[in-house]
Structures are given as structure tokens and as C-alpha cells.
Amino acid sequence: MANLLDWNTLDHKVKAYLDPENGVDIEQKAFPILMVSSLLGVSDEEAEDSITDGSKDRGVDAVFIDDRDGRNSIHVFQFKYVDNFENTKKNFPSGEIDKLVSFFDDLLDLNKSLEDTCNPILWNKVKEMWAALDKPQPSIEVHFCGNTLPMQEGEKYRADASLGKFKYFNVHHHSLDSIVEMFVDKKSKIINDQIQVVDKDYFDRTDGSIRGLICTVEATEIVRIITDPEDPASVQKEIFNDNVRVYLSRTNKINRKIIETALSQDNPLFWYH
């Protein structure tokens, strides 16, 4: 069962996705973007564009149609994000299952009334889903995703059975445990390396048996130490496991802004940002 460390790991990562200037001002709005981008390996912007949550959402919080590399997969999400550790011990709510089943009944029946019963964003996604369903070998992947326990077994069975009546459907349950496992591989290899600091530009602090070092390091040193020796185009994600924010890929908008700053004409000021 997930513990407080697991909760903090995910909570810090969710907070990294807050973007108040663009309306992502609470964790409940940031969590769906993080999960869509992480589960499907898409950019933050693509994940944000998938969000359909709101009035008249028919129980559908996000839709992403994946046509990369010949795929034809329709991903449909329901999300639940609780804002304190105690509430993570509750089960994922199952009250929206019937709404979702009703939505799929209408979707697969090409029911034109969906335009009236869906919000404008979801209605546009419906039209995209109909186009995808008209192509060869479609699949519909339904994700129940929350930083809680999974649904109770009886409700989980009901969700799987209710959606399993449709052809080409797969149901996925993502709980706090499985989400944190996705971000932190607890069986990962140990990385032991040295890093060269710039001159004597460092500050050393010791508290009992714990020692910390604040220093300036050449960017090339960072690149060297995080590069996977077996695949130079990839990052050794394990090196970030002790960082409570975990690894944020270059598709993350925060990381892209850091890269833009480092490559800009003002890059001599990068150290001060």
C-alpha cells in the first residue's frame, strides 16, 4: 500500500505542472495533464488539449486519439485527485461508470444527440473518435486514474464487465501505488559517479552524518552524468529517483523554458535564473 513518501513524490510532481497564468491553478487540473503526458508519452500541450472535464462531460475527463506509428487507439480518461494523504486511503469512486457506459452506447450508435448532451470540447472529440472508429483496427482504452486506492473489487469488476461488453475495449486502473511505480523504479540500478565542479565555487554544509554541497557545474558535466551509456540519446532516469520531483522530460513546458533560456542570447545569465 502507498505510504506518505509515495504521496509526496506524486504531489511534488503534480505541483510542477501548475501553470496559473494558463488556468492550471490547482492540483486537480494539473494531475490530468501529468497523467496523460506520462502514460501516453505526449507533450504537455497535447495532454492539455485532451482535457474535456467540466459541465456536460458525460463522465469523460479527457480524450486522446493516438495515431502515431500506425496506431489507432482512442484513450478515454476519468480522473480523481485528492489533496491530502489521508484521503488516498479511499477507493477510486465508481459513481461515474454508468455515465461512461451511457456515453459509449451513444458514441457507438452514432447518436447525433451527443452534440446537445456534450460540452463543445467533448463534442469535437466525439467527431474525432468517429473518424478514428471508421479506420482499420481501432481500440478504445479506458483509464480510471487517481491518487487513491483502486476501485473496490466489486465495482472494478462491474466497470470491467460493463465496458467489456463493447468490442475492442481495454480497461486500465491506475492507483497511487501504480502511478508512483511508473515514475520511480524501486529496482533500478545504483549509479555511482563523480562530477567536476567549477573552480572552488561551492558551499559545503554538514548536519551530523549528512553532508550537502551547493556548487556550480558545467552543463556538459550534467549531460555526461545523466546520459545512458548504453543509449547515448537517452537519459538515465534512475539518477533522478532521490529528487522528490522525479524526472520531467523535455516535453514538459518547464523544462522546455529552461532549455530555451540556456540557448538564448542571455545564456550568460543562466546561472542567476
C-alpha atoms as a PDB file:
ATOM      1  CA  MET A   1       0.000   0.000   0.000  1.00  0.00           C
ATOM      2  CA  ALA A   2       1.220   3.508  -0.823  1.00  0.00           C
ATOM      3  CA  ASN A   3       2.783   5.486   2.005  1.00  0.00           C
ATOM      4  CA  LEU A   4       3.441   9.158   2.780  1.00  0.00           C
ATOM      5  CA  LEU A   5       6.652   9.151   0.724  1.00  0.00           C
ATOM      6  CA  ASP A   6       4.692   7.906  -2.304  1.00  0.00           C
ATOM      7  CA  TRP A   7       2.108  10.643  -1.756  1.00  0.00           C
ATOM      8  CA  ASN A   8       4.803  13.329  -1.546  1.00  0.00           C
ATOM      9  CA  THR A   9       6.579  12.001  -4.644  1.00  0.00           C
ATOM     10  CA  LEU A  10       3.452  12.358  -6.768  1.00  0.00           C
ATOM     11  CA  ASP A  11       2.289  15.590  -5.118  1.00  0.00           C
ATOM     12  CA  HIS A  12       5.584  17.358  -5.891  1.00  0.00           C
ATOM     13  CA  LYS A  13       5.446  16.155  -9.477  1.00  0.00           C
ATOM     14  CA  VAL A  14       1.846  17.365  -9.855  1.00  0.00           C
ATOM     15  CA  LYS A  15       2.764  20.778  -8.412  1.00  0.00           C
ATOM     16  CA  ALA A  16       5.489  21.074 -11.079  1.00  0.00           C
ATOM     17  CA  TYR A  17       2.645  21.100 -13.641  1.00  0.00           C
ATOM     18  CA  LEU A  18       0.796  24.039 -12.082  1.00  0.00           C
ATOM     19  CA  ASP A  19       0.544  26.926 -14.529  1.00  0.00           C
ATOM     20  CA  PRO A  20      -1.777  29.597 -13.041  1.00  0.00           C
ATOM     21  CA  GLU A  21      -1.269  32.002 -15.939  1.00  0.00           C
ATOM     22  CA  ASN A  22      -2.889  29.449 -18.240  1.00  0.00           C
ATOM     23  CA  GLY A  23      -5.663  28.389 -15.855  1.00  0.00           C
ATOM     24  CA  VAL A  24      -3.941  25.327 -14.366  1.00  0.00           C
ATOM     25  CA  ASP A  25      -4.167  26.798 -10.881  1.00  0.00           C
ATOM     26  CA  ILE A  26      -4.994  23.770  -8.711  1.00  0.00           C
ATOM     27  CA  GLU A  27      -3.620  20.243  -8.443  1.00  0.00           C
ATOM     28  CA  GLN A  28      -6.902  18.754  -9.687  1.00  0.00           C
ATOM     29  CA  LYS A  29      -6.261  20.484 -13.043  1.00  0.00           C
ATOM     30  CA  ALA A  30      -2.542  19.680 -13.162  1.00  0.00           C
ATOM     31  CA  PHE A  31      -2.904  15.966 -12.386  1.00  0.00           C
ATOM     32  CA  PRO A  32      -4.763  15.064 -15.630  1.00  0.00           C
ATOM     33  CA  ILE A  33      -2.132  16.818 -17.751  1.00  0.00           C
ATOM     34  CA  LEU A  34       0.672  14.999 -15.943  1.00  0.00           C
ATOM     35  CA  MET A  35      -1.029  11.619 -16.293  1.00  0.00           C
ATOM     36  CA  VAL A  36      -1.981  11.900 -19.979  1.00  0.00           C
ATOM     37  CA  SER A  37       1.506  13.110 -20.901  1.00  0.00           C
ATOM     38  CA  SER A  38       3.225  10.441 -18.772  1.00  0.00           C
ATOM     39  CA  LEU A  39       1.028   7.451 -19.620  1.00  0.00           C
ATOM     40  CA  LEU A  40       0.939   8.171 -23.346  1.00  0.00           C
ATOM     41  CA  GLY A  41       4.327   9.841 -23.823  1.00  0.00           C
ATOM     42  CA  VAL A  42       2.960  13.042 -25.361  1.00  0.00           C
ATOM     43  CA  SER A  43       3.786  16.705 -24.788  1.00  0.00           C
ATOM     44  CA  ASP A  44       2.140  18.798 -22.095  1.00  0.00           C
ATOM     45  CA  GLU A  45       0.308  20.814 -24.737  1.00  0.00           C
ATOM     46  CA  GLU A  46      -1.131  17.685 -26.348  1.00  0.00           C
ATOM     47  CA  ALA A  47      -2.157  16.415 -22.922  1.00  0.00           C
ATOM     48  CA  GLU A  48      -3.775  19.738 -22.059  1.00  0.00           C
ATOM     49  CA  ASP A  49      -5.687  19.726 -25.355  1.00  0.00           C
ATOM     50  CA  SER A  50      -7.131  16.319 -24.436  1.00  0.00           C
ATOM     51  CA  ILE A  51      -8.972  17.617 -21.350  1.00  0.00           C
ATOM     52  CA  THR A  52     -12.777  17.564 -21.686  1.00  0.00           C
ATOM     53  CA  ASP A  53     -13.694  17.813 -17.986  1.00  0.00           C
ATOM     54  CA  GLY A  54     -16.427  20.259 -16.994  1.00  0.00           C
ATOM     55  CA  SER A  55     -20.138  20.793 -17.457  1.00  0.00           C
ATOM     56  CA  LYS A  56     -21.752  18.196 -19.737  1.00  0.00           C
ATOM     57  CA  ASP A  57     -18.655  15.999 -19.877  1.00  0.00           C
ATOM     58  CA  ARG A  58     -20.726  12.758 -19.825  1.00  0.00           C
ATOM     59  CA  GLY A  59     -18.256  11.227 -17.347  1.00  0.00           C
ATOM     60  CA  VAL A  60     -15.347  11.771 -19.753  1.00  0.00           C
ATOM     61  CA  ASP A  61     -12.474  13.851 -18.330  1.00  0.00           C
ATOM     62  CA  ALA A  62     -10.030  13.538 -21.236  1.00  0.00           C
ATOM     63  CA  VAL A  63      -9.787  12.027 -24.718  1.00  0.00           C
ATOM     64  CA  PHE A  64      -6.599  11.428 -26.695  1.00  0.00           C
ATOM     65  CA  ILE A  65      -6.623   9.781 -30.110  1.00  0.00           C
ATOM     66  CA  ASP A  66      -3.263   8.147 -30.746  1.00  0.00           C
ATOM     67  CA  ASP A  67      -2.463   7.691 -34.428  1.00  0.00           C
ATOM     68  CA  ARG A  68       1.334   7.663 -34.053  1.00  0.00           C
ATOM     69  CA  ASP A  69       3.304   4.983 -35.899  1.00  0.00           C
ATOM     70  CA  GLY A  70       0.193   3.409 -37.388  1.00  0.00           C
ATOM     71  CA  ARG A  71      -1.721   3.199 -34.119  1.00  0.00           C
ATOM     72  CA  ASN A  72      -5.460   3.750 -33.963  1.00  0.00           C
ATOM     73  CA  SER A  73      -6.141   3.950 -30.240  1.00  0.00           C
ATOM     74  CA  ILE A  74      -8.746   6.092 -28.525  1.00  0.00           C
ATOM     75  CA  HIS A  75      -7.786   6.810 -24.909  1.00  0.00           C
ATOM     76  CA  VAL A  76     -10.589   7.921 -22.599  1.00  0.00           C
ATOM     77  CA  PHE A  77      -9.847   9.014 -19.026  1.00  0.00           C
ATOM     78  CA  GLN A  78     -11.601   9.509 -15.723  1.00  0.00           C
ATOM     79  CA  PHE A  79      -9.527  11.242 -13.021  1.00  0.00           C
ATOM     80  CA  LYS A  80      -9.661  11.614  -9.263  1.00  0.00           C
ATOM     81  CA  TYR A  81      -7.075  13.640  -7.344  1.00  0.00           C
ATOM     82  CA  VAL A  82      -7.277  14.046  -3.558  1.00  0.00           C
ATOM     83  CA  ASP A  83      -5.364  16.826  -1.842  1.00  0.00           C
ATOM     84  CA  ASN A  84      -4.221  15.120   1.349  1.00  0.00           C
ATOM     85  CA  PHE A  85      -2.575  11.826   2.240  1.00  0.00           C
ATOM     86  CA  GLU A  86      -5.418  10.533   4.429  1.00  0.00           C
ATOM     87  CA  ASN A  87      -7.843  10.624   1.508  1.00  0.00           C
ATOM     88  CA  THR A  88      -5.537   8.448  -0.604  1.00  0.00           C
ATOM     89  CA  LYS A  89      -6.729   5.522   1.520  1.00  0.00           C
ATOM     90  CA  LYS A  90     -10.185   5.782  -0.049  1.00  0.00           C
ATOM     91  CA  ASN A  91     -11.141   3.828  -3.161  1.00  0.00           C
ATOM     92  CA  PHE A  92     -11.474   5.379  -6.602  1.00  0.00           C
ATOM     93  CA  PRO A  93     -15.141   6.462  -6.895  1.00  0.00           C
ATOM     94  CA  SER A  94     -17.276   4.325  -9.174  1.00  0.00           C
ATOM     95  CA  GLY A  95     -20.292   6.607  -9.451  1.00  0.00           C
ATOM     96  CA  GLU A  96     -19.424   7.711 -12.985  1.00  0.00           C
ATOM     97  CA  ILE A  97     -19.220   4.210 -14.502  1.00  0.00           C
ATOM     98  CA  ASP A  98     -22.811   4.272 -15.687  1.00  0.00           C
ATOM     99  CA  LYS A  99     -22.342   7.732 -17.226  1.00  0.00           C
ATOM    100  CA  LEU A 100     -19.369   6.410 -19.156  1.00  0.00           C
ATOM    101  CA  VAL A 101     -21.270   3.342 -20.369  1.00  0.00           C
ATOM    102  CA  SER A 102     -24.142   5.570 -21.499  1.00  0.00           C
ATOM    103  CA  PHE A 103     -21.680   7.788 -23.370  1.00  0.00           C
ATOM    104  CA  PHE A 104     -20.166   4.823 -25.200  1.00  0.00           C
ATOM    105  CA  ASP A 105     -23.632   3.493 -26.059  1.00  0.00           C
ATOM    106  CA  ASP A 106     -24.355   6.818 -27.792  1.00  0.00           C
ATOM    107  CA  LEU A 107     -20.896   7.035 -29.344  1.00  0.00           C
ATOM    108  CA  LEU A 108     -21.031   3.593 -30.927  1.00  0.00           C
ATOM    109  CA  ASP A 109     -24.628   4.142 -32.060  1.00  0.00           C
ATOM    110  CA  LEU A 110     -23.539   7.328 -33.888  1.00  0.00           C
ATOM    111  CA  ASN A 111     -26.156   9.166 -31.847  1.00  0.00           C
ATOM    112  CA  LYS A 112     -26.324  12.740 -33.149  1.00  0.00           C
ATOM    113  CA  SER A 113     -27.873  13.890 -29.860  1.00  0.00           C
ATOM    114  CA  LEU A 114     -24.336  13.848 -28.457  1.00  0.00           C
ATOM    115  CA  GLU A 115     -23.908  17.359 -29.843  1.00  0.00           C
ATOM    116  CA  ASP A 116     -26.579  18.544 -27.411  1.00  0.00           C
ATOM    117  CA  THR A 117     -25.509  16.455 -24.431  1.00  0.00           C
ATOM    118  CA  CYS A 118     -21.723  17.099 -24.634  1.00  0.00           C
ATOM    119  CA  ASN A 119     -19.780  20.270 -23.978  1.00  0.00           C
ATOM    120  CA  PRO A 120     -18.179  21.813 -27.112  1.00  0.00           C
ATOM    121  CA  ILE A 121     -14.713  20.362 -26.414  1.00  0.00           C
ATOM    122  CA  LEU A 122     -16.075  16.852 -25.900  1.00  0.00           C
ATOM    123  CA  TRP A 123     -18.291  17.151 -28.976  1.00  0.00           C
ATOM    124  CA  ASN A 124     -15.199  17.910 -31.090  1.00  0.00           C
ATOM    125  CA  LYS A 125     -13.518  14.854 -29.570  1.00  0.00           C
ATOM    126  CA  VAL A 126     -16.598  12.764 -30.405  1.00  0.00           C
ATOM    127  CA  LYS A 127     -16.225  13.682 -34.071  1.00  0.00           C
ATOM    128  CA  GLU A 128     -12.536  12.758 -33.917  1.00  0.00           C
ATOM    129  CA  MET A 129     -13.447   9.430 -32.288  1.00  0.00           C
ATOM    130  CA  TRP A 130     -15.995   8.663 -35.014  1.00  0.00           C
ATOM    131  CA  ALA A 131     -13.305   9.334 -37.620  1.00  0.00           C
ATOM    132  CA  ALA A 132     -10.889   7.008 -35.799  1.00  0.00           C
ATOM    133  CA  LEU A 133     -13.534   4.288 -35.496  1.00  0.00           C
ATOM    134  CA  ASP A 134     -14.005   4.449 -39.245  1.00  0.00           C
ATOM    135  CA  LYS A 135     -10.360   3.418 -39.751  1.00  0.00           C
ATOM    136  CA  PRO A 136      -8.957  -0.136 -39.560  1.00  0.00           C
ATOM    137  CA  GLN A 137      -8.214  -1.873 -36.252  1.00  0.00           C
ATOM    138  CA  PRO A 138      -9.439   0.672 -33.719  1.00  0.00           C
ATOM    139  CA  SER A 139      -9.144   0.130 -29.988  1.00  0.00           C
ATOM    140  CA  ILE A 140     -10.633   2.052 -27.086  1.00  0.00           C
ATOM    141  CA  GLU A 141      -8.504   2.269 -23.948  1.00  0.00           C
ATOM    142  CA  VAL A 142     -10.415   3.371 -20.845  1.00  0.00           C
ATOM    143  CA  HIS A 143      -8.323   4.690 -17.934  1.00  0.00           C
ATOM    144  CA  PHE A 144      -9.574   5.113 -14.366  1.00  0.00           C
ATOM    145  CA  CYS A 145      -6.782   7.160 -12.860  1.00  0.00           C
ATOM    146  CA  GLY A 146      -6.489   8.502  -9.309  1.00  0.00           C
ATOM    147  CA  ASN A 147      -4.034   9.077  -6.472  1.00  0.00           C
ATOM    148  CA  THR A 148      -6.137   6.783  -4.294  1.00  0.00           C
ATOM    149  CA  LEU A 149      -6.698   3.076  -3.867  1.00  0.00           C
ATOM    150  CA  PRO A 150      -8.212   1.353  -6.926  1.00  0.00           C
ATOM    151  CA  MET A 151     -11.957   0.809  -7.116  1.00  0.00           C
ATOM    152  CA  GLN A 152     -13.352  -1.734  -4.685  1.00  0.00           C
ATOM    153  CA  GLU A 153     -13.123  -5.192  -6.248  1.00  0.00           C
ATOM    154  CA  GLY A 154     -16.881  -5.457  -6.858  1.00  0.00           C
ATOM    155  CA  GLU A 155     -17.017  -2.061  -8.561  1.00  0.00           C
ATOM    156  CA  LYS A 156     -13.841  -2.786 -10.501  1.00  0.00           C
ATOM    157  CA  TYR A 157     -15.465  -5.974 -11.810  1.00  0.00           C
ATOM    158  CA  ARG A 158     -18.611  -4.009 -12.679  1.00  0.00           C
ATOM    159  CA  ALA A 159     -16.589  -1.409 -14.598  1.00  0.00           C
ATOM    160  CA  ASP A 160     -14.650  -4.081 -16.481  1.00  0.00           C
ATOM    161  CA  ALA A 161     -17.798  -6.079 -17.271  1.00  0.00           C
ATOM    162  CA  SER A 162     -19.883  -3.044 -18.269  1.00  0.00           C
ATOM    163  CA  LEU A 163     -17.240  -1.745 -20.644  1.00  0.00           C
ATOM    164  CA  GLY A 164     -16.138  -5.215 -21.714  1.00  0.00           C
ATOM    165  CA  LYS A 165     -19.463  -5.724 -23.476  1.00  0.00           C
ATOM    166  CA  PHE A 166     -18.120  -3.431 -26.201  1.00  0.00           C
ATOM    167  CA  LYS A 167     -15.698  -4.887 -28.723  1.00  0.00           C
ATOM    168  CA  TYR A 168     -12.100  -3.676 -28.873  1.00  0.00           C
ATOM    169  CA  PHE A 169     -12.264  -2.168 -25.347  1.00  0.00           C
ATOM    170  CA  ASN A 170      -9.470  -2.404 -22.771  1.00  0.00           C
ATOM    171  CA  VAL A 171      -9.837  -1.088 -19.219  1.00  0.00           C
ATOM    172  CA  HIS A 172      -6.887   0.187 -17.166  1.00  0.00           C
ATOM    173  CA  HIS A 173      -6.913   1.027 -13.439  1.00  0.00           C
ATOM    174  CA  HIS A 174      -4.190   3.419 -12.221  1.00  0.00           C
ATOM    175  CA  SER A 175      -3.868   3.889  -8.448  1.00  0.00           C
ATOM    176  CA  LEU A 176      -1.387   5.859  -6.327  1.00  0.00           C
ATOM    177  CA  ASP A 177       0.725   2.702  -5.988  1.00  0.00           C
ATOM    178  CA  SER A 178       0.955   2.004  -9.719  1.00  0.00           C
ATOM    179  CA  ILE A 179       1.427   5.665 -10.657  1.00  0.00           C
ATOM    180  CA  VAL A 180       4.405   6.101  -8.314  1.00  0.00           C
ATOM    181  CA  GLU A 181       5.852   2.793  -9.545  1.00  0.00           C
ATOM    182  CA  MET A 182       5.679   4.221 -13.061  1.00  0.00           C
ATOM    183  CA  PHE A 183       7.758   7.238 -12.020  1.00  0.00           C
ATOM    184  CA  VAL A 184      10.188   5.532  -9.641  1.00  0.00           C
ATOM    185  CA  ASP A 185      11.648   2.130 -10.426  1.00  0.00           C
ATOM    186  CA  LYS A 186      12.457   0.737  -6.984  1.00  0.00           C
ATOM    187  CA  LYS A 187      14.593  -1.997  -8.551  1.00  0.00           C
ATOM    188  CA  SER A 188      16.666   0.440 -10.553  1.00  0.00           C
ATOM    189  CA  LYS A 189      20.412   0.234 -10.800  1.00  0.00           C
ATOM    190  CA  ILE A 190      22.665   2.219  -8.481  1.00  0.00           C
ATOM    191  CA  ILE A 191      24.574   4.996 -10.216  1.00  0.00           C
ATOM    192  CA  ASN A 192      27.979   5.774  -8.727  1.00  0.00           C
ATOM    193  CA  ASP A 193      29.960   8.515 -10.480  1.00  0.00           C
ATOM    194  CA  GLN A 194      31.988  11.658  -9.870  1.00  0.00           C
ATOM    195  CA  ILE A 195      31.318  15.161 -11.120  1.00  0.00           C
ATOM    196  CA  GLN A 196      33.738  18.057 -11.654  1.00  0.00           C
ATOM    197  CA  VAL A 197      32.766  21.406 -10.098  1.00  0.00           C
ATOM    198  CA  VAL A 198      33.842  24.806 -11.432  1.00  0.00           C
ATOM    199  CA  ASP A 199      36.954  26.090  -9.593  1.00  0.00           C
ATOM    200  CA  LYS A 200      36.316  26.356  -5.850  1.00  0.00           C
ATOM    201  CA  ASP A 201      32.867  27.806  -6.363  1.00  0.00           C
ATOM    202  CA  TYR A 202      30.991  25.665  -3.837  1.00  0.00           C
ATOM    203  CA  PHE A 203      29.375  25.775  -0.409  1.00  0.00           C
ATOM    204  CA  ASP A 204      29.701  22.771   1.899  1.00  0.00           C
ATOM    205  CA  ARG A 205      27.244  22.037   4.711  1.00  0.00           C
ATOM    206  CA  THR A 206      27.184  19.162   7.183  1.00  0.00           C
ATOM    207  CA  ASP A 207      24.441  18.196   9.666  1.00  0.00           C
ATOM    208  CA  GLY A 208      25.501  15.194  11.720  1.00  0.00           C
ATOM    209  CA  SER A 209      26.176  12.366   9.286  1.00  0.00           C
ATOM    210  CA  ILE A 210      24.501  14.175   6.385  1.00  0.00           C
ATOM    211  CA  ARG A 211      26.616  16.251   4.006  1.00  0.00           C
ATOM    212  CA  GLY A 212      25.417  18.549   1.264  1.00  0.00           C
ATOM    213  CA  LEU A 213      27.235  20.547  -1.412  1.00  0.00           C
ATOM    214  CA  ILE A 214      25.981  23.554  -3.371  1.00  0.00           C
ATOM    215  CA  CYS A 215      28.200  24.181  -6.377  1.00  0.00           C
ATOM    216  CA  THR A 216      28.474  25.403  -9.958  1.00  0.00           C
ATOM    217  CA  VAL A 217      28.852  22.670 -12.577  1.00  0.00           C
ATOM    218  CA  GLU A 218      29.433  22.870 -16.318  1.00  0.00           C
ATOM    219  CA  ALA A 219      26.333  21.851 -18.299  1.00  0.00           C
ATOM    220  CA  THR A 220      28.455  19.322 -20.195  1.00  0.00           C
ATOM    221  CA  GLU A 221      29.149  17.542 -16.893  1.00  0.00           C
ATOM    222  CA  ILE A 222      25.419  17.261 -16.220  1.00  0.00           C
ATOM    223  CA  VAL A 223      24.844  15.896 -19.723  1.00  0.00           C
ATOM    224  CA  ARG A 224      27.654  13.377 -19.284  1.00  0.00           C
ATOM    225  CA  ILE A 225      26.445  12.001 -15.968  1.00  0.00           C
ATOM    226  CA  ILE A 226      22.772  11.662 -16.921  1.00  0.00           C
ATOM    227  CA  THR A 227      23.417  10.125 -20.368  1.00  0.00           C
ATOM    228  CA  ASP A 228      22.663   6.429 -20.617  1.00  0.00           C
ATOM    229  CA  PRO A 229      25.970   4.793 -21.648  1.00  0.00           C
ATOM    230  CA  GLU A 230      24.062   2.049 -23.484  1.00  0.00           C
ATOM    231  CA  ASP A 231      21.918   4.551 -25.385  1.00  0.00           C
ATOM    232  CA  PRO A 232      23.556   7.991 -25.697  1.00  0.00           C
ATOM    233  CA  ALA A 233      20.277   9.503 -26.942  1.00  0.00           C
ATOM    234  CA  SER A 234      18.514   8.589 -23.680  1.00  0.00           C
ATOM    235  CA  VAL A 235      18.592   9.763 -20.066  1.00  0.00           C
ATOM    236  CA  GLN A 236      19.374   7.558 -17.057  1.00  0.00           C
ATOM    237  CA  LYS A 237      16.086   8.317 -15.293  1.00  0.00           C
ATOM    238  CA  GLU A 238      17.243   6.441 -12.184  1.00  0.00           C
ATOM    239  CA  ILE A 239      19.615   9.295 -11.377  1.00  0.00           C
ATOM    240  CA  PHE A 240      16.579  11.428 -10.512  1.00  0.00           C
ATOM    241  CA  ASN A 241      14.993   8.909  -8.125  1.00  0.00           C
ATOM    242  CA  ASP A 242      16.145  10.758  -4.979  1.00  0.00           C
ATOM    243  CA  ASN A 243      14.717  14.017  -6.297  1.00  0.00           C
ATOM    244  CA  VAL A 244      11.170  14.434  -4.930  1.00  0.00           C
ATOM    245  CA  ARG A 245      10.070  15.996  -8.233  1.00  0.00           C
ATOM    246  CA  VAL A 246      11.380  12.955 -10.135  1.00  0.00           C
ATOM    247  CA  TYR A 247      12.309  13.199 -13.832  1.00  0.00           C
ATOM    248  CA  LEU A 248      10.498  15.724 -16.005  1.00  0.00           C
ATOM    249  CA  SER A 249      11.136  15.045 -19.684  1.00  0.00           C
ATOM    250  CA  ARG A 250      11.933  17.691 -22.300  1.00  0.00           C
ATOM    251  CA  THR A 251       8.256  17.577 -23.354  1.00  0.00           C
ATOM    252  CA  ASN A 252       7.442  19.277 -20.041  1.00  0.00           C
ATOM    253  CA  LYS A 253       6.845  23.002 -20.612  1.00  0.00           C
ATOM    254  CA  ILE A 254       9.002  23.991 -17.611  1.00  0.00           C
ATOM    255  CA  ASN A 255      11.970  22.046 -18.940  1.00  0.00           C
ATOM    256  CA  ARG A 256      11.480  23.471 -22.413  1.00  0.00           C
ATOM    257  CA  LYS A 257      11.604  27.011 -20.977  1.00  0.00           C
ATOM    258  CA  ILE A 258      14.845  26.122 -19.179  1.00  0.00           C
ATOM    259  CA  ILE A 259      16.296  24.840 -22.459  1.00  0.00           C
ATOM    260  CA  GLU A 260      15.182  27.994 -24.289  1.00  0.00           C
ATOM    261  CA  THR A 261      16.849  30.185 -21.646  1.00  0.00           C
ATOM    262  CA  ALA A 262      20.075  28.167 -21.809  1.00  0.00           C
ATOM    263  CA  LEU A 263      20.194  28.531 -25.614  1.00  0.00           C
ATOM    264  CA  SER A 264      19.172  32.211 -25.749  1.00  0.00           C
ATOM    265  CA  GLN A 265      21.438  35.244 -26.174  1.00  0.00           C
ATOM    266  CA  ASP A 266      21.059  35.821 -22.435  1.00  0.00           C
ATOM    267  CA  ASN A 267      22.587  32.460 -21.564  1.00  0.00           C
ATOM    268  CA  PRO A 268      25.495  34.064 -19.655  1.00  0.00           C
ATOM    269  CA  LEU A 269      22.825  34.992 -17.086  1.00  0.00           C
ATOM    270  CA  PHE A 270      21.526  31.408 -16.901  1.00  0.00           C
ATOM    271  CA  TRP A 271      23.271  30.773 -13.560  1.00  0.00           C
ATOM    272  CA  TYR A 272      21.260  33.605 -11.958  1.00  0.00           C
ATOM    273  CA  HIS A 273      17.802  32.390 -13.050  1.00  0.00           C
END
